[in-house]
Amino acid sequence: MPPISWALSTQLGQITPYIDCRQSFSWTAALCGILLVASVAGVAASRVTSNGLVKSKRFVDAGFLVALAFVFALSLQEAATMLLDPCQR
């Protein structure tokens, strides 16, 4: 879920600033926040459900760390959308 959320946020980040500039509500920050919550929930759910079910614990831990890297990138995108004005080019 985190890689999909990150990719969707990146693609929507190309479209929604034009909408944000015309309206007073920041759709970019709202959508990025929703995707961030969804990706954190996906990471937590995968971590909780994978305990004891897989023989290769290192593979699960590596996947968890990769998912956390995507969550970190998504949180940085969220911070950028909140700090930068969408109308400035």
C-alpha atoms as a PDB file:
ATOM      1  CA  MET A   1       0.000   0.000   0.000  1.00  0.00           C
ATOM      2  CA  PRO A   2       2.720   2.587   0.742  1.00  0.00           C
ATOM      3  CA  PRO A   3       4.300   2.466  -2.750  1.00  0.00           C
ATOM      4  CA  ILE A   4       0.880   2.839  -4.362  1.00  0.00           C
ATOM      5  CA  SER A   5       0.007   5.732  -2.037  1.00  0.00           C
ATOM      6  CA  TRP A   6       3.302   7.428  -2.814  1.00  0.00           C
ATOM      7  CA  ALA A   7       2.855   7.019  -6.580  1.00  0.00           C
ATOM      8  CA  LEU A   8      -0.727   8.290  -6.422  1.00  0.00           C
ATOM      9  CA  SER A   9       0.330  11.277  -4.324  1.00  0.00           C
ATOM     10  CA  THR A  10       3.125  12.088  -6.750  1.00  0.00           C
ATOM     11  CA  GLN A  11       0.778  12.003  -9.734  1.00  0.00           C
ATOM     12  CA  LEU A  12      -1.968  13.978  -7.986  1.00  0.00           C
ATOM     13  CA  GLY A  13       0.663  16.489  -6.890  1.00  0.00           C
ATOM     14  CA  GLN A  14       1.048  17.428 -10.546  1.00  0.00           C
ATOM     15  CA  ILE A  15      -2.682  18.120 -10.990  1.00  0.00           C
ATOM     16  CA  THR A  16      -4.133  19.428  -7.739  1.00  0.00           C
ATOM     17  CA  PRO A  17      -2.008  22.592  -7.277  1.00  0.00           C
ATOM     18  CA  TYR A  18      -3.938  24.164 -10.165  1.00  0.00           C
ATOM     19  CA  ILE A  19      -7.172  23.415  -8.324  1.00  0.00           C
ATOM     20  CA  ASP A  20      -5.703  24.703  -5.046  1.00  0.00           C
ATOM     21  CA  CYS A  21      -4.744  27.989  -6.644  1.00  0.00           C
ATOM     22  CA  ARG A  22      -8.322  28.625  -7.814  1.00  0.00           C
ATOM     23  CA  GLN A  23      -9.993  27.559  -4.542  1.00  0.00           C
ATOM     24  CA  SER A  24      -9.351  28.459  -0.931  1.00  0.00           C
ATOM     25  CA  PHE A  25      -9.101  24.824   0.222  1.00  0.00           C
ATOM     26  CA  SER A  26      -5.840  22.907  -0.150  1.00  0.00           C
ATOM     27  CA  TRP A  27      -6.860  19.679  -1.876  1.00  0.00           C
ATOM     28  CA  THR A  28      -3.235  18.652  -2.347  1.00  0.00           C
ATOM     29  CA  ALA A  29      -2.520  18.612   1.384  1.00  0.00           C
ATOM     30  CA  ALA A  30      -5.821  16.883   2.161  1.00  0.00           C
ATOM     31  CA  LEU A  31      -5.287  14.116  -0.397  1.00  0.00           C
ATOM     32  CA  CYS A  32      -1.680  13.629   0.658  1.00  0.00           C
ATOM     33  CA  GLY A  33      -2.759  13.413   4.302  1.00  0.00           C
ATOM     34  CA  ILE A  34      -5.399  10.798   3.491  1.00  0.00           C
ATOM     35  CA  LEU A  35      -2.874   8.750   1.520  1.00  0.00           C
ATOM     36  CA  LEU A  36      -0.344   9.075   4.354  1.00  0.00           C
ATOM     37  CA  VAL A  37      -2.851   7.720   6.877  1.00  0.00           C
ATOM     38  CA  ALA A  38      -3.766   4.878   4.498  1.00  0.00           C
ATOM     39  CA  SER A  39      -0.126   3.920   3.979  1.00  0.00           C
ATOM     40  CA  VAL A  40       0.643   3.980   7.709  1.00  0.00           C
ATOM     41  CA  ALA A  41      -2.412   1.785   8.297  1.00  0.00           C
ATOM     42  CA  GLY A  42      -1.189  -0.587   5.589  1.00  0.00           C
ATOM     43  CA  VAL A  43       2.262  -0.813   7.158  1.00  0.00           C
ATOM     44  CA  ALA A  44       0.792  -1.438  10.605  1.00  0.00           C
ATOM     45  CA  ALA A  45      -1.645  -4.059   9.322  1.00  0.00           C
ATOM     46  CA  SER A  46       1.031  -5.926   7.408  1.00  0.00           C
ATOM     47  CA  ARG A  47       3.355  -5.887  10.406  1.00  0.00           C
ATOM     48  CA  VAL A  48       0.704  -7.191  12.788  1.00  0.00           C
ATOM     49  CA  THR A  49      -0.605  -9.932  10.485  1.00  0.00           C
ATOM     50  CA  SER A  50       2.797 -11.250   9.378  1.00  0.00           C
ATOM     51  CA  ASN A  51       4.091 -12.291  12.800  1.00  0.00           C
ATOM     52  CA  GLY A  52       4.756 -16.027  12.861  1.00  0.00           C
ATOM     53  CA  LEU A  53       3.258 -16.812   9.460  1.00  0.00           C
ATOM     54  CA  VAL A  54       6.342 -16.523   7.298  1.00  0.00           C
ATOM     55  CA  LYS A  55       9.451 -18.681   7.513  1.00  0.00           C
ATOM     56  CA  SER A  56      11.764 -15.966   6.237  1.00  0.00           C
ATOM     57  CA  LYS A  57      11.667 -13.240   8.878  1.00  0.00           C
ATOM     58  CA  ARG A  58      14.404 -11.222   7.137  1.00  0.00           C
ATOM     59  CA  PHE A  59      12.311 -10.916   3.977  1.00  0.00           C
ATOM     60  CA  VAL A  60       9.361  -9.585   5.981  1.00  0.00           C
ATOM     61  CA  ASP A  61      11.607  -7.153   7.849  1.00  0.00           C
ATOM     62  CA  ALA A  62      13.118  -5.888   4.584  1.00  0.00           C
ATOM     63  CA  GLY A  63       9.652  -5.323   3.121  1.00  0.00           C
ATOM     64  CA  PHE A  64       8.640  -3.490   6.281  1.00  0.00           C
ATOM     65  CA  LEU A  65      11.675  -1.204   6.033  1.00  0.00           C
ATOM     66  CA  VAL A  66      10.994  -0.472   2.360  1.00  0.00           C
ATOM     67  CA  ALA A  67       7.390   0.390   3.232  1.00  0.00           C
ATOM     68  CA  LEU A  68       8.626   2.714   5.977  1.00  0.00           C
ATOM     69  CA  ALA A  69      10.875   4.445   3.443  1.00  0.00           C
ATOM     70  CA  PHE A  70       7.834   5.130   1.259  1.00  0.00           C
ATOM     71  CA  VAL A  71       5.917   6.424   4.287  1.00  0.00           C
ATOM     72  CA  PHE A  72       8.814   8.764   5.051  1.00  0.00           C
ATOM     73  CA  ALA A  73       8.864  10.040   1.454  1.00  0.00           C
ATOM     74  CA  LEU A  74       5.116  10.580   1.588  1.00  0.00           C
ATOM     75  CA  SER A  75       5.411  12.512   4.845  1.00  0.00           C
ATOM     76  CA  LEU A  76       8.036  14.760   3.247  1.00  0.00           C
ATOM     77  CA  GLN A  77       5.676  15.380   0.324  1.00  0.00           C
ATOM     78  CA  GLU A  78       2.942  16.277   2.810  1.00  0.00           C
ATOM     79  CA  ALA A  79       5.245  18.765   4.521  1.00  0.00           C
ATOM     80  CA  ALA A  80       6.143  20.324   1.183  1.00  0.00           C
ATOM     81  CA  THR A  81       2.503  20.743   0.190  1.00  0.00           C
ATOM     82  CA  MET A  82       1.763  22.466   3.478  1.00  0.00           C
ATOM     83  CA  LEU A  83       4.762  24.805   3.310  1.00  0.00           C
ATOM     84  CA  LEU A  84       4.786  25.848  -0.349  1.00  0.00           C
ATOM     85  CA  ASP A  85       2.222  28.093  -1.992  1.00  0.00           C
ATOM     86  CA  PRO A  86       0.631  26.342  -4.998  1.00  0.00           C
ATOM     87  CA  CYS A  87       0.100  29.622  -6.879  1.00  0.00           C
ATOM     88  CA  GLN A  88       3.815  30.471  -7.123  1.00  0.00           C
ATOM     89  CA  ARG A  89       5.550  29.187 -10.216  1.00  0.00           C
END
